[in-house]
Amino acid sequence: MNRRAPTHRDIWQLAWPMMLSNLSIPLLGAVDTAILGHLPSPLYLGAVTVGASLLSLLFWSFGFLRMGTTSVAARAEGADDREGLHRVLVQSLALALALALLLMLIGPWLLPIALEWMGPSPEVQTLALDYARIRLWGAPASLMNFALVGWFIGRQDTRRPLAILFTTNGLNILLDALLILGLGLNSEGAAWASVLAEYGGLTLGLWLTARHLNGLERRPVLNELTHWRAYGRLMRVNRHLFVRTLCLLSVFVFFAAQGARMGDQVLAANAILLQFLLLTSYALDGFAHAAEALAGRAIGAGRLSDFYLATRRSSAWALACSLMISALFVLGAPWWPGVFTSLPEVLEIVRAHYVWICVIPVIGVWGYQLDGIFLGSGQTAAMQYTVLIAAGGCFLPLWWWLQPLGNQGLWVAFVAFNGARGLLLGLVYYQLSRKKQWLAFK
């Protein structure tokens, strides 16, 4: 097995496929926004914004399947544990399918309650409920794709996730054009496009893993799957990630809900602004994924010097990328907002809040990058507690205090929340390094 120290070339070989595949996700959202934003009414864009936020909360509440699988697989890769690599793949897929079926059972009862709480206008609420109910049919594919992508990243293979995500999002864009513009299905067309594309990506992902599964000794692995004890290591990681992800997504849903209560135009404008944020986070996540894989391998192999080298080098590249993104947003300020909508009232609100999009890459990069480092090393409890503190001790108090500023105050609280996540994780990183405790979860 290759035990050499991680180089800048290693970081880029892991980062660039994930940057491209991650950017295809907000690109898909940008296409949805651009298509729906140019329809005669803002109701369809508002409905997809609310419905997609709600489905993100449901689906990404189980995003631990991706992150937990990466964490366990990366350390198994570092320890050269081939049996452990195979086991975590099969266990993660089985767990994903079981959770997806549960979600499909309880989702129809949860959706109306959640939409009522979010408080959009009655017209938007009706369309959003139809959108969300359709999207539930894609739960098995969405959750199983989490597991597949996480396993490949843990194995230091980011090109197959690139193929899976490019296929999923490419199909989604084509189906958007067909179902929304071609057949006039509006927000329902956007929902069906997402569902069909998810199953297309899952089909490719299972085909890509087939050669790995062919070498398994099936009977021992199947025996492990019938005993909950076999899931112990995976579930220990996942319980922290579940709480962390649920809290993070709750902030996003709360943000969308507050925007909805300020009117359909504010809701639509925030949807457009969030596309810029997603472009930022998914681009920077390429280096976070590289940090996950390299840090996990180093911890699994017990090589602390390689761990520090990987974190320093990947973080330096992430900072450089964040500065470049901020510069592109500043330079493109005169024309970027108009790409997404031609509605005058919405465009005016977007331009009034555009400054936050220019500063958030440099503020948010530390939270993204440190998430990757802590995830790869198995220090997932810190990820849980820091996001809870950032939400309860920063975001909510600031939002409450700044309510007289309306949507501007909401954005101040949201940007501060992103900064607080990075600051708190940075403090924990310093303490773990000073006390030399990074190998505690090897």
Protein backbone atom coordinates (compact mmCIF):
# COMPACT_ATOMS: atom_id res chain seq x y z
CA MET A 1 0.00 0.00 0.00
CA ASN A 2 1.20 3.55 -0.79
CA ARG A 3 2.36 5.20 2.45
CA ARG A 4 4.02 8.34 1.07
CA ALA A 5 3.11 11.74 2.48
CA PRO A 6 0.22 13.58 0.74
CA THR A 7 1.38 16.06 -1.92
CA HIS A 8 -0.29 19.03 -3.59
CA ARG A 9 -0.81 16.75 -6.59
CA ASP A 10 -2.66 14.22 -4.40
CA ILE A 11 -4.93 16.97 -3.10
CA TRP A 12 -5.79 18.20 -6.59
CA GLN A 13 -6.33 14.69 -7.94
CA LEU A 14 -8.97 14.19 -5.23
CA ALA A 15 -10.36 17.73 -5.28
CA TRP A 16 -10.95 18.49 -8.94
CA PRO A 17 -13.40 15.66 -9.71
CA MET A 18 -15.41 16.54 -6.60
CA MET A 19 -15.34 20.25 -7.45
CA LEU A 20 -16.74 19.51 -10.89
CA SER A 21 -19.34 17.06 -9.60
CA ASN A 22 -20.30 19.33 -6.69
CA LEU A 23 -20.65 22.33 -8.99
CA SER A 24 -23.08 20.33 -11.11
CA ILE A 25 -25.47 20.27 -8.11
CA PRO A 26 -25.95 24.06 -7.74
CA LEU A 27 -25.76 24.30 -11.53
CA LEU A 28 -28.83 22.09 -11.56
CA GLY A 29 -30.48 24.34 -8.98
CA ALA A 30 -29.44 27.36 -11.02
CA VAL A 31 -31.06 25.87 -14.13
CA ASP A 32 -34.26 25.16 -12.16
CA THR A 33 -34.19 28.72 -10.82
CA ALA A 34 -33.48 30.25 -14.22
CA ILE A 35 -36.24 28.25 -15.97
CA LEU A 36 -38.85 28.83 -13.26
CA GLY A 37 -37.71 32.41 -12.64
CA HIS A 38 -38.58 33.34 -16.22
CA LEU A 39 -42.11 31.93 -16.06
CA PRO A 40 -44.86 34.58 -15.88
CA SER A 41 -45.55 34.05 -12.15
CA PRO A 42 -43.10 33.83 -9.20
CA LEU A 43 -45.36 31.19 -7.59
CA TYR A 44 -43.63 28.26 -9.30
CA LEU A 45 -40.16 29.39 -8.25
CA GLY A 46 -41.41 29.98 -4.71
CA ALA A 47 -43.04 26.55 -4.61
CA VAL A 48 -39.88 24.75 -5.73
CA THR A 49 -37.81 26.81 -3.27
CA VAL A 50 -40.05 25.87 -0.33
CA GLY A 51 -40.55 22.27 -1.47
CA ALA A 52 -36.87 21.71 -2.20
CA SER A 53 -35.88 23.20 1.17
CA LEU A 54 -38.25 20.81 2.89
CA LEU A 55 -37.04 17.79 0.91
CA SER A 56 -33.44 18.82 1.60
CA LEU A 57 -34.24 18.72 5.30
CA LEU A 58 -35.71 15.25 4.94
CA PHE A 59 -33.10 13.77 2.60
CA TRP A 60 -30.02 15.51 3.97
CA SER A 61 -31.05 14.59 7.49
CA PHE A 62 -29.76 11.24 6.28
CA GLY A 63 -26.67 12.80 4.71
CA PHE A 64 -24.71 11.05 7.45
CA LEU A 65 -24.90 8.03 5.14
CA ARG A 66 -22.46 9.81 2.83
CA MET A 67 -20.27 11.33 5.52
CA GLY A 68 -20.26 8.38 7.91
CA THR A 69 -19.44 5.97 5.10
CA THR A 70 -16.55 8.18 4.00
CA SER A 71 -15.18 8.44 7.53
CA VAL A 72 -15.20 4.68 8.20
CA ALA A 73 -14.06 3.74 4.69
CA ALA A 74 -11.16 6.23 4.71
CA ARG A 75 -9.75 4.86 7.95
CA ALA A 76 -10.22 1.29 6.69
CA GLU A 77 -8.31 2.29 3.56
CA GLY A 78 -5.49 3.70 5.69
CA ALA A 79 -5.33 0.50 7.74
CA ASP A 80 -5.41 -1.61 4.55
CA ASP A 81 -8.57 -3.36 5.83
CA ARG A 82 -10.16 -4.69 2.62
CA GLU A 83 -12.82 -6.69 4.43
CA GLY A 84 -13.82 -3.59 6.38
CA LEU A 85 -14.10 -1.59 3.15
CA HIS A 86 -16.44 -4.15 1.63
CA ARG A 87 -18.51 -4.42 4.80
CA VAL A 88 -19.13 -0.69 5.17
CA LEU A 89 -20.32 -0.50 1.54
CA VAL A 90 -22.91 -3.26 1.92
CA GLN A 91 -24.02 -2.07 5.36
CA SER A 92 -24.41 1.53 4.20
CA LEU A 93 -26.49 0.53 1.18
CA ALA A 94 -28.75 -1.67 3.32
CA LEU A 95 -29.16 1.07 5.91
CA ALA A 96 -29.91 3.64 3.19
CA LEU A 97 -32.65 1.50 1.66
CA ALA A 98 -34.29 0.81 5.02
CA LEU A 99 -34.30 4.49 5.99
CA ALA A 100 -35.64 5.50 2.58
CA LEU A 101 -38.60 3.13 2.86
CA LEU A 102 -39.33 4.51 6.34
CA LEU A 103 -39.18 8.05 4.98
CA MET A 104 -41.64 7.18 2.20
CA LEU A 105 -44.07 5.85 4.82
CA ILE A 106 -44.00 8.80 7.20
CA GLY A 107 -43.31 11.58 4.69
CA PRO A 108 -46.90 12.11 3.47
CA TRP A 109 -47.98 12.88 7.06
CA LEU A 110 -45.01 15.14 7.83
CA LEU A 111 -45.09 17.30 4.70
CA PRO A 112 -48.36 19.22 5.30
CA ILE A 113 -47.39 19.95 8.91
CA ALA A 114 -43.94 21.22 7.91
CA LEU A 115 -45.33 23.39 5.11
CA GLU A 116 -47.91 24.90 7.45
CA TRP A 117 -45.09 25.83 9.83
CA MET A 118 -43.02 27.40 7.05
CA GLY A 119 -45.92 29.73 6.31
CA PRO A 120 -45.77 30.46 2.56
CA SER A 121 -48.80 31.93 0.80
CA PRO A 122 -51.67 29.47 0.20
CA GLU A 123 -50.95 29.33 -3.53
CA VAL A 124 -47.26 28.52 -2.98
CA GLN A 125 -48.12 26.01 -0.23
CA THR A 126 -50.39 23.99 -2.53
CA LEU A 127 -47.81 23.82 -5.31
CA ALA A 128 -44.98 23.05 -2.86
CA LEU A 129 -46.91 20.15 -1.32
CA ASP A 130 -47.46 18.59 -4.76
CA TYR A 131 -43.75 19.03 -5.55
CA ALA A 132 -42.61 17.46 -2.27
CA ARG A 133 -44.94 14.45 -2.52
CA ILE A 134 -43.55 13.62 -5.95
CA ARG A 135 -39.95 13.99 -4.77
CA LEU A 136 -40.53 11.42 -2.00
CA TRP A 137 -40.59 8.69 -4.65
CA GLY A 138 -36.89 9.35 -5.21
CA ALA A 139 -35.91 8.67 -1.57
CA PRO A 140 -34.39 5.18 -2.14
CA ALA A 141 -32.22 6.38 -4.99
CA SER A 142 -31.18 9.58 -3.21
CA LEU A 143 -30.13 7.87 0.04
CA MET A 144 -28.38 4.96 -1.65
CA ASN A 145 -26.45 7.43 -3.80
CA PHE A 146 -25.23 9.05 -0.57
CA ALA A 147 -23.75 5.72 0.51
CA LEU A 148 -22.14 4.99 -2.85
CA VAL A 149 -20.53 8.41 -3.19
CA GLY A 150 -19.28 8.33 0.40
CA TRP A 151 -17.68 4.92 -0.08
CA PHE A 152 -15.84 5.96 -3.21
CA ILE A 153 -14.52 9.14 -1.56
CA GLY A 154 -13.29 7.12 1.42
CA ARG A 155 -11.36 4.91 -1.01
CA GLN A 156 -9.62 8.03 -2.43
CA ASP A 157 -11.62 7.61 -5.65
CA THR A 158 -13.41 10.82 -6.61
CA ARG A 159 -13.79 10.13 -10.32
CA ARG A 160 -16.61 7.64 -9.94
CA PRO A 161 -18.63 10.07 -7.78
CA LEU A 162 -18.01 12.58 -10.56
CA ALA A 163 -19.56 10.18 -13.05
CA ILE A 164 -22.54 9.47 -10.76
CA LEU A 165 -23.31 13.11 -9.96
CA PHE A 166 -22.71 14.35 -13.50
CA THR A 167 -25.07 11.69 -14.80
CA THR A 168 -27.73 12.51 -12.19
CA ASN A 169 -27.59 16.26 -12.68
CA GLY A 170 -27.17 16.11 -16.44
CA LEU A 171 -30.30 13.98 -16.68
CA ASN A 172 -32.10 16.37 -14.36
CA ILE A 173 -31.31 19.39 -16.52
CA LEU A 174 -32.44 17.61 -19.70
CA LEU A 175 -35.63 16.40 -18.02
CA ASP A 176 -36.28 19.90 -16.63
CA ALA A 177 -36.22 21.30 -20.14
CA LEU A 178 -38.49 18.53 -21.42
CA LEU A 179 -41.03 18.49 -18.59
CA ILE A 180 -41.15 22.20 -17.66
CA LEU A 181 -40.63 23.94 -20.99
CA GLY A 182 -41.69 21.16 -23.35
CA LEU A 183 -44.73 19.73 -21.55
CA GLY A 184 -45.59 22.77 -19.40
CA LEU A 185 -45.62 20.84 -16.11
CA ASN A 186 -44.02 23.75 -14.18
CA SER A 187 -43.11 22.85 -10.55
CA GLU A 188 -44.43 19.29 -10.89
CA GLY A 189 -42.15 18.81 -13.89
CA ALA A 190 -39.17 19.91 -11.80
CA ALA A 191 -40.08 17.28 -9.19
CA TRP A 192 -40.42 14.39 -11.65
CA ALA A 193 -37.17 15.40 -13.35
CA SER A 194 -35.34 15.10 -10.02
CA VAL A 195 -36.86 11.70 -9.20
CA LEU A 196 -36.06 10.13 -12.58
CA ALA A 197 -32.53 11.56 -12.57
CA GLU A 198 -31.79 10.13 -9.10
CA TYR A 199 -32.65 6.63 -10.27
CA GLY A 200 -30.48 7.11 -13.35
CA GLY A 201 -27.53 8.03 -11.11
CA LEU A 202 -28.18 5.07 -8.80
CA THR A 203 -28.19 2.66 -11.75
CA LEU A 204 -24.78 3.92 -12.83
CA GLY A 205 -23.42 3.84 -9.25
CA LEU A 206 -24.44 0.23 -8.67
CA TRP A 207 -22.89 -0.76 -11.98
CA LEU A 208 -19.61 0.95 -11.00
CA THR A 209 -19.46 -0.95 -7.70
CA ALA A 210 -20.30 -4.34 -9.26
CA ARG A 211 -16.67 -5.37 -9.77
CA HIS A 212 -15.86 -4.62 -6.11
CA LEU A 213 -18.80 -6.69 -4.87
CA ASN A 214 -17.89 -9.61 -7.15
CA GLY A 215 -14.83 -10.33 -5.00
CA LEU A 216 -16.75 -10.56 -1.74
CA GLU A 217 -17.26 -13.72 0.24
CA ARG A 218 -21.03 -13.34 0.31
CA ARG A 219 -21.95 -15.60 3.23
CA PRO A 220 -19.86 -13.86 5.95
CA VAL A 221 -21.02 -10.42 4.80
CA LEU A 222 -24.68 -11.47 4.72
CA ASN A 223 -24.29 -12.92 8.21
CA GLU A 224 -22.95 -9.57 9.40
CA LEU A 225 -25.96 -7.80 7.89
CA THR A 226 -28.37 -9.85 10.00
CA HIS A 227 -26.80 -8.70 13.29
CA TRP A 228 -27.11 -5.08 14.45
CA ARG A 229 -23.79 -5.39 16.27
CA ALA A 230 -22.08 -5.37 12.87
CA TYR A 231 -23.28 -1.79 12.36
CA GLY A 232 -21.74 -0.53 15.58
CA ARG A 233 -18.80 1.44 14.20
CA LEU A 234 -20.86 2.98 11.40
CA MET A 235 -23.69 3.97 13.73
CA ARG A 236 -21.37 5.52 16.32
CA VAL A 237 -20.13 7.92 13.66
CA ASN A 238 -23.58 8.45 12.20
CA ARG A 239 -25.37 9.47 15.37
CA HIS A 240 -23.24 12.63 15.70
CA LEU A 241 -23.51 13.39 12.00
CA PHE A 242 -27.29 12.98 12.06
CA VAL A 243 -27.72 15.63 14.77
CA ARG A 244 -25.18 17.91 13.09
CA THR A 245 -26.82 17.62 9.67
CA LEU A 246 -30.33 18.03 11.05
CA CYS A 247 -29.30 21.21 12.88
CA LEU A 248 -27.54 22.61 9.82
CA LEU A 249 -30.47 21.95 7.54
CA SER A 250 -32.90 23.30 10.12
CA VAL A 251 -31.08 26.63 9.90
CA PHE A 252 -31.52 26.61 6.11
CA VAL A 253 -35.21 25.72 6.37
CA PHE A 254 -35.75 28.35 9.07
CA PHE A 255 -34.02 30.86 6.79
CA ALA A 256 -36.31 29.91 3.88
CA ALA A 257 -39.39 30.05 6.13
CA GLN A 258 -38.59 33.56 7.38
CA GLY A 259 -38.12 34.69 3.80
CA ALA A 260 -41.46 33.14 2.83
CA ARG A 261 -43.21 35.10 5.57
CA MET A 262 -41.89 38.34 4.09
CA GLY A 263 -43.69 37.70 0.79
CA ASP A 264 -43.32 35.72 -2.42
CA GLN A 265 -40.88 38.25 -3.92
CA VAL A 266 -38.48 38.00 -0.95
CA LEU A 267 -38.79 34.21 -1.02
CA ALA A 268 -37.91 34.13 -4.72
CA ALA A 269 -35.00 36.58 -4.24
CA ASN A 270 -33.53 34.54 -1.40
CA ALA A 271 -33.80 31.44 -3.57
CA ILE A 272 -31.66 33.15 -6.19
CA LEU A 273 -29.13 34.39 -3.62
CA LEU A 274 -28.84 30.89 -2.16
CA GLN A 275 -27.81 29.61 -5.58
CA PHE A 276 -24.65 31.72 -5.27
CA LEU A 277 -24.05 30.34 -1.78
CA LEU A 278 -24.45 26.79 -3.06
CA LEU A 279 -22.02 27.44 -5.90
CA THR A 280 -19.51 28.58 -3.27
CA SER A 281 -20.01 25.73 -0.82
CA TYR A 282 -19.95 22.98 -3.43
CA ALA A 283 -16.78 24.35 -5.04
CA LEU A 284 -14.98 24.61 -1.70
CA ASP A 285 -16.24 21.17 -0.67
CA GLY A 286 -13.88 19.70 -3.27
CA PHE A 287 -10.95 20.50 -0.96
CA ALA A 288 -12.98 19.41 2.09
CA HIS A 289 -13.54 16.02 0.43
CA ALA A 290 -9.81 15.77 -0.29
CA ALA A 291 -9.14 16.53 3.39
CA GLU A 292 -11.64 13.84 4.43
CA ALA A 293 -9.96 11.15 2.36
CA LEU A 294 -6.35 12.09 3.13
CA ALA A 295 -6.91 12.81 6.82
CA GLY A 296 -8.83 9.55 7.25
CA ARG A 297 -6.10 7.56 5.51
CA ALA A 298 -3.41 9.18 7.67
CA ILE A 299 -5.32 8.53 10.90
CA GLY A 300 -6.08 4.93 9.86
CA ALA A 301 -2.38 4.39 9.19
CA GLY A 302 -1.38 6.11 12.47
CA ARG A 303 0.71 8.75 10.61
CA LEU A 304 0.07 12.03 12.44
CA SER A 305 2.68 13.95 10.40
CA ASP A 306 0.82 13.07 7.20
CA PHE A 307 -2.43 14.20 8.81
CA TYR A 308 -1.05 17.66 9.60
CA LEU A 309 0.51 17.95 6.16
CA ALA A 310 -2.77 17.06 4.44
CA THR A 311 -4.79 19.53 6.53
CA ARG A 312 -2.34 22.41 5.95
CA ARG A 313 -2.04 21.92 2.21
CA SER A 314 -5.72 21.30 1.50
CA SER A 315 -6.71 24.30 3.66
CA ALA A 316 -4.30 26.60 1.84
CA TRP A 317 -5.84 25.63 -1.50
CA ALA A 318 -9.35 26.07 -0.10
CA LEU A 319 -8.54 29.61 1.10
CA ALA A 320 -7.07 30.55 -2.29
CA CYS A 321 -10.20 29.21 -4.02
CA SER A 322 -12.51 31.16 -1.68
CA LEU A 323 -10.69 34.42 -2.46
CA MET A 324 -11.01 33.75 -6.18
CA ILE A 325 -14.76 33.04 -5.87
CA SER A 326 -15.32 36.28 -3.93
CA ALA A 327 -13.44 38.21 -6.60
CA LEU A 328 -15.57 36.66 -9.37
CA PHE A 329 -18.77 37.59 -7.53
CA VAL A 330 -17.59 41.18 -7.03
CA LEU A 331 -16.57 41.57 -10.68
CA GLY A 332 -19.81 40.00 -11.90
CA ALA A 333 -22.10 42.08 -9.67
CA PRO A 334 -23.56 44.18 -12.53
CA TRP A 335 -24.87 41.23 -14.49
CA TRP A 336 -24.93 37.99 -12.42
CA PRO A 337 -28.34 38.61 -10.75
CA GLY A 338 -30.05 39.17 -14.10
CA VAL A 339 -29.07 35.69 -15.24
CA PHE A 340 -31.54 34.14 -12.81
CA THR A 341 -34.66 36.30 -13.13
CA SER A 342 -36.27 38.99 -15.25
CA LEU A 343 -38.90 39.90 -12.62
CA PRO A 344 -38.17 43.56 -11.64
CA GLU A 345 -39.31 43.32 -7.99
CA VAL A 346 -37.30 40.16 -7.38
CA LEU A 347 -34.22 41.52 -9.15
CA GLU A 348 -34.27 44.66 -7.00
CA ILE A 349 -34.25 42.62 -3.80
CA VAL A 350 -31.41 40.41 -5.09
CA ARG A 351 -29.23 43.43 -5.86
CA ALA A 352 -29.93 44.95 -2.43
CA HIS A 353 -28.56 41.83 -0.70
CA TYR A 354 -25.80 40.87 -3.13
CA VAL A 355 -22.99 42.09 -0.82
CA TRP A 356 -23.49 39.06 1.43
CA ILE A 357 -22.79 36.74 -1.47
CA CYS A 358 -19.48 38.52 -2.08
CA VAL A 359 -18.19 38.08 1.49
CA ILE A 360 -19.52 34.65 2.43
CA PRO A 361 -16.91 32.56 0.53
CA VAL A 362 -14.04 33.83 2.70
CA ILE A 363 -16.12 33.66 5.89
CA GLY A 364 -17.60 30.20 5.26
CA VAL A 365 -14.54 28.39 3.88
CA TRP A 366 -13.23 27.48 7.34
CA GLY A 367 -16.42 25.67 8.35
CA TYR A 368 -16.44 23.63 5.14
CA GLN A 369 -12.76 22.71 5.34
CA LEU A 370 -12.68 21.85 9.03
CA ASP A 371 -15.80 19.72 8.61
CA GLY A 372 -13.81 17.60 6.15
CA ILE A 373 -10.83 17.30 8.48
CA PHE A 374 -12.92 16.34 11.51
CA LEU A 375 -15.01 13.91 9.49
CA GLY A 376 -12.03 12.09 8.01
CA SER A 377 -10.35 11.78 11.39
CA GLY A 378 -13.51 10.42 13.07
CA GLN A 379 -13.91 13.38 15.45
CA THR A 380 -17.58 13.71 14.63
CA ALA A 381 -18.75 14.68 18.14
CA ALA A 382 -17.02 18.05 17.73
CA MET A 383 -18.92 18.61 14.47
CA GLN A 384 -22.21 18.02 16.28
CA TYR A 385 -21.59 20.27 19.26
CA THR A 386 -20.07 23.20 17.37
CA VAL A 387 -22.96 23.48 14.92
CA LEU A 388 -25.45 23.34 17.80
CA ILE A 389 -23.62 26.17 19.56
CA ALA A 390 -23.36 28.21 16.33
CA ALA A 391 -27.10 27.84 15.69
CA GLY A 392 -28.32 28.37 19.26
CA GLY A 393 -25.72 30.87 20.38
CA CYS A 394 -25.21 32.92 17.21
CA PHE A 395 -27.82 32.50 14.47
CA LEU A 396 -31.05 32.54 16.47
CA PRO A 397 -30.10 35.39 18.86
CA LEU A 398 -28.89 37.56 15.98
CA TRP A 399 -32.00 36.85 13.92
CA TRP A 400 -34.20 37.79 16.89
CA TRP A 401 -32.28 40.96 17.64
CA LEU A 402 -32.13 42.10 13.99
CA GLN A 403 -35.76 41.43 13.04
CA PRO A 404 -36.42 45.18 12.56
CA LEU A 405 -33.96 45.05 9.61
CA GLY A 406 -36.13 42.49 7.81
CA ASN A 407 -34.38 40.37 5.22
CA GLN A 408 -31.07 42.21 5.73
CA GLY A 409 -31.06 41.16 9.38
CA LEU A 410 -31.84 37.59 8.38
CA TRP A 411 -28.81 37.55 6.09
CA VAL A 412 -26.52 39.06 8.75
CA ALA A 413 -27.49 36.23 11.13
CA PHE A 414 -26.98 33.61 8.44
CA VAL A 415 -23.52 34.86 7.44
CA ALA A 416 -22.50 35.08 11.12
CA PHE A 417 -23.65 31.49 11.63
CA ASN A 418 -21.34 30.31 8.85
CA GLY A 419 -18.44 32.19 10.40
CA ALA A 420 -19.15 30.85 13.89
CA ARG A 421 -19.01 27.25 12.66
CA GLY A 422 -15.48 27.71 11.36
CA LEU A 423 -14.30 29.62 14.42
CA LEU A 424 -15.57 27.00 16.87
CA LEU A 425 -14.11 24.08 14.90
CA GLY A 426 -10.82 25.96 14.67
CA LEU A 427 -10.67 26.23 18.45
CA VAL A 428 -11.33 22.50 18.82
CA TYR A 429 -8.68 21.73 16.19
CA TYR A 430 -6.16 23.75 18.21
CA GLN A 431 -7.03 21.92 21.44
CA LEU A 432 -6.83 18.45 19.87
CA SER A 433 -3.48 19.30 18.27
CA ARG A 434 -2.06 20.73 21.49
CA LYS A 435 -3.11 17.63 23.45
CA LYS A 436 -2.14 15.22 20.62
CA GLN A 437 -5.52 13.50 20.63
CA TRP A 438 -6.14 13.07 16.90
CA LEU A 439 -5.41 9.35 17.00
CA ALA A 440 -8.06 8.71 19.66
CA PHE A 441 -10.54 7.49 17.05
CA LYS A 442 -8.17 5.49 14.90
